[in-house]
Amino acid sequence: MKISRGEKAFGVFNTILLSLLAFSTLYPFVYMTALALNEGLDSLKGGIYFWPREFTWINIKTVVTNPLVQDAFFVSVSRTIIGTFATVFITGICAYALSFRRLPYRKLLMIYFLIPMLFSGGLIPYYIQLRDLGLIDHFLVYIIPGVLNIWNLIVMRSFFENIPDSLIEAAEMDGANPFTIFWRIVIPISMPMIAAISLFTAVTHWNSWFDGAYFVNEMNLKPLQTYLQNILMNADAAQNLRQGSASVSASSNAAVAAASRTITPMALKMAVVILGTIPVLIIYPLLQRYFVKGVLIGGVKE
């Protein structure tokens, strides 16, 4: 088929526009990576835009070997895994129950769930509630408050409502109980939706810093993003991280000790940002294949 000049011009314009958009999205990460892999004192001279001028691993090593960063990373990984599984499971079983049109008081229950999504009591009553539940300075403060996500509940319920009734009826005729139907039939069919919800939930847990900043006082319980926010906003925190690395390097060989003297707070900030970003960049491609699958795996012919 012959392509007109207008279509060719639109294709070129569209390619250039999308390329610029992709570049503007990718460049901040490239810039931070270059600063994280460059000597701190050399970075202060400027002129680093795409790749490091004086390559070094000392900034990354300093962050990775810091005990506070290790604890924060472990807390973030733990809350992401546990929180994602708990949220998807609890929200999923509630959404599956609400998808049955014969459920008593179904509309009233949906209104009950919608009210806290639309209206909030405020930060102070929320803090008092967490305190009365004993969740302040406790790891479960990252898990329990978000174990039921109303928005995901609505999305899951709508998806479950579109599952063919004949599929459920056939399982019931074969003697399957509701939990077996949910685990053996509904879950496999809903994997694309569950993968998407799991990804969004995991990213939310990983990027969350607010609860660690206001509901947790112990440093060994703060997640990585809270620690990163503290470093970015507080110059003393970055300086303490640098001094901690210098004291560790003093007991190592002379070459490492000399390299540690080139570390700057800005270089450490970029290294922590890279450390907090890489896990999300790894998770997205692994779950991408679920997004291109069909909504239903298999089917039933009426």
Protein backbone atom coordinates (compact mmCIF):
# COMPACT_ATOMS: atom_id res chain seq x y z
CA MET A 1 0.00 0.00 0.00
CA LYS A 2 1.32 3.41 -0.96
CA ILE A 3 1.96 5.81 1.91
CA SER A 4 1.20 9.48 1.35
CA ARG A 5 3.57 12.31 2.20
CA GLY A 6 1.33 13.39 5.04
CA GLU A 7 1.47 9.93 6.63
CA LYS A 8 5.28 9.85 6.23
CA ALA A 9 5.59 13.29 7.82
CA PHE A 10 3.33 12.25 10.69
CA GLY A 11 5.38 9.09 11.23
CA VAL A 12 8.63 11.08 11.38
CA PHE A 13 7.11 13.67 13.73
CA ASN A 14 5.62 10.96 15.96
CA THR A 15 8.96 9.11 16.14
CA ILE A 16 10.87 12.27 17.06
CA LEU A 17 8.29 13.28 19.67
CA LEU A 18 8.24 9.86 21.35
CA SER A 19 12.05 9.67 21.24
CA LEU A 20 12.33 13.02 23.03
CA LEU A 21 9.76 11.89 25.58
CA ALA A 22 11.66 8.64 26.20
CA PHE A 23 14.94 10.56 26.51
CA SER A 24 13.48 13.02 29.02
CA THR A 25 12.22 10.10 31.09
CA LEU A 26 15.46 8.11 30.97
CA TYR A 27 18.00 10.92 31.28
CA PRO A 28 17.56 11.67 35.04
CA PHE A 29 18.41 8.06 35.84
CA VAL A 30 21.43 8.16 33.50
CA TYR A 31 22.61 11.41 35.10
CA MET A 32 22.28 10.06 38.65
CA THR A 33 24.08 6.87 37.66
CA ALA A 34 26.96 8.86 36.22
CA LEU A 35 27.29 10.88 39.42
CA ALA A 36 27.06 7.76 41.59
CA LEU A 37 29.87 6.09 39.64
CA ASN A 38 32.11 9.15 39.55
CA GLU A 39 34.57 10.36 42.18
CA GLY A 40 32.79 12.77 44.49
CA LEU A 41 35.42 15.53 44.45
CA ASP A 42 35.65 15.35 40.66
CA SER A 43 31.85 15.62 40.36
CA LEU A 44 31.99 18.99 42.12
CA LYS A 45 33.79 20.40 39.06
CA GLY A 46 30.67 19.82 36.94
CA GLY A 47 30.57 18.77 33.31
CA ILE A 48 29.21 15.27 33.94
CA TYR A 49 26.10 14.60 31.90
CA PHE A 50 25.98 11.05 30.51
CA TRP A 51 28.90 8.97 31.85
CA PRO A 52 31.38 9.21 34.72
CA ARG A 53 34.64 11.07 34.11
CA GLU A 54 36.60 9.46 36.97
CA PHE A 55 35.00 6.03 37.35
CA THR A 56 34.87 4.48 40.84
CA TRP A 57 32.81 1.97 42.82
CA ILE A 58 33.59 3.57 46.17
CA ASN A 59 30.27 5.44 46.42
CA ILE A 60 28.21 2.30 45.77
CA LYS A 61 30.38 0.22 48.12
CA THR A 62 30.04 2.84 50.85
CA VAL A 63 26.26 2.77 50.67
CA VAL A 64 25.94 -1.01 50.33
CA THR A 65 28.26 -1.74 53.28
CA ASN A 66 26.65 0.80 55.62
CA PRO A 67 24.72 -1.03 58.41
CA LEU A 68 21.88 1.50 58.47
CA VAL A 69 21.37 1.21 54.71
CA GLN A 70 21.45 -2.59 54.96
CA ASP A 71 18.79 -2.56 57.68
CA ALA A 72 16.66 -0.11 55.69
CA PHE A 73 16.98 -2.20 52.54
CA PHE A 74 15.96 -5.36 54.44
CA VAL A 75 12.92 -3.57 55.92
CA SER A 76 11.86 -2.33 52.47
CA VAL A 77 12.22 -5.76 50.88
CA SER A 78 10.36 -7.44 53.76
CA ARG A 79 7.46 -4.98 53.76
CA THR A 80 7.19 -5.15 49.98
CA ILE A 81 6.98 -8.94 49.84
CA ILE A 82 4.76 -9.43 52.91
CA GLY A 83 2.62 -6.36 52.25
CA THR A 84 2.01 -7.21 48.60
CA PHE A 85 1.02 -10.80 49.34
CA ALA A 86 -1.24 -9.80 52.25
CA THR A 87 -2.92 -6.97 50.36
CA VAL A 88 -3.58 -8.96 47.19
CA PHE A 89 -4.88 -11.98 49.14
CA ILE A 90 -7.16 -10.13 51.59
CA THR A 91 -8.41 -7.70 48.96
CA GLY A 92 -8.92 -10.55 46.51
CA ILE A 93 -11.08 -12.71 48.78
CA CYS A 94 -13.18 -9.69 49.76
CA ALA A 95 -13.62 -8.70 46.10
CA TYR A 96 -14.54 -12.26 45.18
CA ALA A 97 -17.22 -12.35 47.87
CA LEU A 98 -18.64 -9.01 46.74
CA SER A 99 -18.75 -10.20 43.11
CA PHE A 100 -21.66 -12.57 43.97
CA ARG A 101 -24.88 -10.74 43.15
CA ARG A 102 -26.81 -12.91 45.61
CA LEU A 103 -24.64 -11.77 48.54
CA PRO A 104 -26.90 -10.23 51.27
CA TYR A 105 -26.46 -6.48 51.83
CA ARG A 106 -24.03 -6.32 48.90
CA LYS A 107 -24.76 -2.69 48.01
CA LEU A 108 -24.65 -1.62 51.65
CA LEU A 109 -21.24 -3.26 52.06
CA MET A 110 -19.91 -1.45 48.99
CA ILE A 111 -21.08 1.88 50.41
CA TYR A 112 -19.39 0.99 53.68
CA PHE A 113 -16.13 0.35 51.83
CA LEU A 114 -16.41 3.50 49.70
CA ILE A 115 -16.81 5.92 52.63
CA PRO A 116 -13.22 5.62 53.98
CA MET A 117 -11.87 5.84 50.43
CA LEU A 118 -13.59 9.17 49.84
CA PHE A 119 -13.33 10.68 53.31
CA SER A 120 -10.49 10.67 55.82
CA GLY A 121 -10.50 11.40 59.53
CA GLY A 122 -7.15 13.19 59.34
CA LEU A 123 -3.60 12.43 60.35
CA ILE A 124 -4.01 12.93 64.12
CA PRO A 125 -6.95 10.48 64.56
CA TYR A 126 -5.08 8.04 62.32
CA TYR A 127 -1.99 8.31 64.51
CA ILE A 128 -4.06 7.83 67.68
CA GLN A 129 -5.68 4.73 66.16
CA LEU A 130 -2.29 3.25 65.28
CA ARG A 131 -1.03 4.02 68.79
CA ASP A 132 -4.02 2.34 70.42
CA LEU A 133 -3.47 -0.71 68.22
CA GLY A 134 0.17 -0.87 69.31
CA LEU A 135 1.50 -0.38 65.80
CA ILE A 136 3.74 2.64 66.51
CA ASP A 137 7.40 1.58 66.26
CA HIS A 138 6.31 -1.83 65.01
CA PHE A 139 6.99 -3.49 61.66
CA LEU A 140 3.29 -4.30 61.18
CA VAL A 141 2.54 -0.58 60.83
CA TYR A 142 3.71 -1.04 57.23
CA ILE A 143 1.41 -4.01 56.60
CA ILE A 144 -1.88 -3.87 58.50
CA PRO A 145 -3.16 -0.36 57.58
CA GLY A 146 -2.98 -1.12 53.86
CA VAL A 147 -3.97 -4.76 53.87
CA LEU A 148 -7.35 -3.87 52.32
CA ASN A 149 -7.10 -1.45 49.40
CA ILE A 150 -10.54 -0.13 48.41
CA TRP A 151 -9.56 0.92 44.89
CA ASN A 152 -8.04 -2.49 44.16
CA LEU A 153 -11.14 -4.05 45.71
CA ILE A 154 -13.34 -2.30 43.15
CA VAL A 155 -11.07 -3.28 40.26
CA MET A 156 -10.93 -6.92 41.36
CA ARG A 157 -14.66 -7.13 41.97
CA SER A 158 -15.38 -5.81 38.48
CA PHE A 159 -13.00 -8.37 37.00
CA PHE A 160 -14.49 -11.26 38.97
CA GLU A 161 -18.00 -10.27 37.89
CA ASN A 162 -17.00 -10.85 34.25
CA ILE A 163 -15.93 -14.45 34.83
CA PRO A 164 -18.47 -16.75 33.11
CA ASP A 165 -21.04 -18.08 35.56
CA SER A 166 -21.03 -21.42 33.73
CA LEU A 167 -17.40 -21.92 34.75
CA ILE A 168 -18.27 -21.53 38.44
CA GLU A 169 -21.41 -23.64 38.11
CA ALA A 170 -19.46 -26.46 36.46
CA ALA A 171 -16.99 -26.49 39.35
CA GLU A 172 -19.82 -26.51 41.90
CA MET A 173 -21.43 -29.48 40.13
CA ASP A 174 -18.13 -31.32 40.42
CA GLY A 175 -18.22 -30.78 44.19
CA ALA A 176 -15.72 -27.93 44.52
CA ASN A 177 -16.20 -25.67 47.55
CA PRO A 178 -15.91 -21.85 47.30
CA PHE A 179 -12.27 -21.77 48.45
CA THR A 180 -11.29 -24.45 45.91
CA ILE A 181 -13.06 -22.54 43.16
CA PHE A 182 -11.28 -19.35 44.16
CA TRP A 183 -7.83 -20.97 44.38
CA ARG A 184 -8.00 -23.43 41.47
CA ILE A 185 -10.15 -21.56 38.94
CA VAL A 186 -10.52 -17.86 39.72
CA ILE A 187 -6.86 -17.18 40.56
CA PRO A 188 -5.39 -18.80 37.38
CA ILE A 189 -7.92 -17.04 35.19
CA SER A 190 -7.22 -13.70 36.88
CA MET A 191 -3.41 -13.82 36.72
CA PRO A 192 -3.05 -10.81 34.35
CA MET A 193 -5.15 -8.65 36.68
CA ILE A 194 -3.48 -10.03 39.82
CA ALA A 195 -0.03 -9.40 38.34
CA ALA A 196 -0.92 -5.79 37.60
CA ILE A 197 -2.40 -5.22 41.06
CA SER A 198 0.61 -6.93 42.66
CA LEU A 199 3.02 -4.73 40.72
CA PHE A 200 1.24 -1.51 41.67
CA THR A 201 1.02 -2.62 45.31
CA ALA A 202 4.69 -3.62 45.42
CA VAL A 203 5.81 -0.31 43.92
CA THR A 204 3.65 1.55 46.44
CA HIS A 205 5.22 -0.34 49.34
CA TRP A 206 8.73 0.09 47.97
CA ASN A 207 8.37 3.85 47.39
CA SER A 208 6.52 4.58 50.64
CA TRP A 209 8.43 6.82 53.06
CA PHE A 210 5.66 8.64 54.95
CA ASP A 211 4.76 5.89 57.44
CA GLY A 212 8.40 5.25 58.28
CA ALA A 213 9.01 8.95 58.89
CA TYR A 214 6.02 9.62 61.17
CA PHE A 215 5.06 6.30 62.74
CA VAL A 216 8.48 4.75 63.39
CA ASN A 217 11.22 6.27 65.54
CA GLU A 218 13.72 3.41 65.65
CA MET A 219 16.32 3.71 62.88
CA ASN A 220 16.62 -0.05 62.38
CA LEU A 221 12.89 -0.20 61.47
CA LYS A 222 12.86 2.61 58.91
CA PRO A 223 12.53 1.58 55.24
CA LEU A 224 15.02 2.55 52.57
CA GLN A 225 12.89 5.35 51.09
CA THR A 226 12.52 7.02 54.50
CA TYR A 227 16.27 6.80 55.01
CA LEU A 228 16.80 8.20 51.50
CA GLN A 229 14.38 11.06 52.17
CA ASN A 230 16.25 11.83 55.37
CA ILE A 231 19.56 11.93 53.50
CA LEU A 232 18.21 14.14 50.71
CA MET A 233 16.56 16.60 53.08
CA ASN A 234 19.09 16.58 55.91
CA ALA A 235 22.70 17.41 55.12
CA ASP A 236 23.81 16.08 58.51
CA ALA A 237 22.45 12.61 57.67
CA ALA A 238 24.52 12.44 54.48
CA GLN A 239 27.57 13.71 56.36
CA ASN A 240 27.08 11.06 59.05
CA LEU A 241 26.90 8.40 56.35
CA ARG A 242 30.16 9.72 54.90
CA GLN A 243 31.86 9.82 58.29
CA GLY A 244 30.71 6.28 59.02
CA SER A 245 32.28 5.08 55.77
CA ALA A 246 35.49 6.94 56.57
CA SER A 247 35.78 5.23 59.96
CA VAL A 248 35.29 1.83 58.33
CA SER A 249 37.87 2.61 55.65
CA ALA A 250 40.42 3.63 58.27
CA SER A 251 40.78 -0.01 59.27
CA SER A 252 41.12 -1.22 55.67
CA ASN A 253 44.02 -0.98 53.25
CA ALA A 254 45.59 2.33 52.28
CA ALA A 255 44.13 2.36 48.75
CA VAL A 256 40.54 2.07 50.00
CA ALA A 257 41.18 4.66 52.69
CA ALA A 258 42.56 7.09 50.10
CA ALA A 259 39.58 6.52 47.79
CA SER A 260 37.12 7.13 50.64
CA ARG A 261 38.49 10.65 51.06
CA THR A 262 37.04 11.56 47.66
CA ILE A 263 33.49 10.74 48.78
CA THR A 264 31.07 13.67 49.02
CA PRO A 265 27.52 13.82 50.43
CA MET A 266 26.11 14.44 46.93
CA ALA A 267 27.81 11.31 45.56
CA LEU A 268 26.36 9.26 48.42
CA LYS A 269 22.89 10.69 47.78
CA MET A 270 23.04 9.61 44.14
CA ALA A 271 24.28 6.16 45.14
CA VAL A 272 21.37 5.68 47.57
CA VAL A 273 18.89 6.84 44.90
CA ILE A 274 20.27 4.28 42.44
CA LEU A 275 20.09 1.56 45.08
CA GLY A 276 16.44 2.40 45.75
CA THR A 277 15.52 2.50 42.04
CA ILE A 278 17.15 -0.66 40.67
CA PRO A 279 14.73 -3.21 42.28
CA VAL A 280 11.71 -1.56 40.64
CA LEU A 281 13.46 -1.54 37.26
CA ILE A 282 14.08 -5.28 37.65
CA ILE A 283 10.50 -6.15 38.68
CA TYR A 284 8.74 -4.40 35.77
CA PRO A 285 10.22 -6.55 32.94
CA LEU A 286 9.59 -9.75 34.90
CA LEU A 287 5.85 -9.04 35.14
CA GLN A 288 5.48 -7.44 31.73
CA ARG A 289 4.45 -10.73 30.08
CA TYR A 290 1.29 -10.90 32.19
CA PHE A 291 0.05 -7.58 30.80
CA VAL A 292 0.01 -8.79 27.19
CA LYS A 293 -1.93 -11.97 27.94
CA GLY A 294 -5.65 -12.23 27.40
CA VAL A 295 -8.06 -11.33 30.14
CA LEU A 296 -9.19 -14.94 30.42
CA ILE A 297 -6.99 -18.04 30.20
CA GLY A 298 -9.18 -20.65 28.55
CA GLY A 299 -12.91 -20.33 28.20
CA VAL A 300 -16.28 -22.01 28.20
CA LYS A 301 -18.51 -22.35 25.19
CA GLU A 302 -22.15 -21.83 25.99
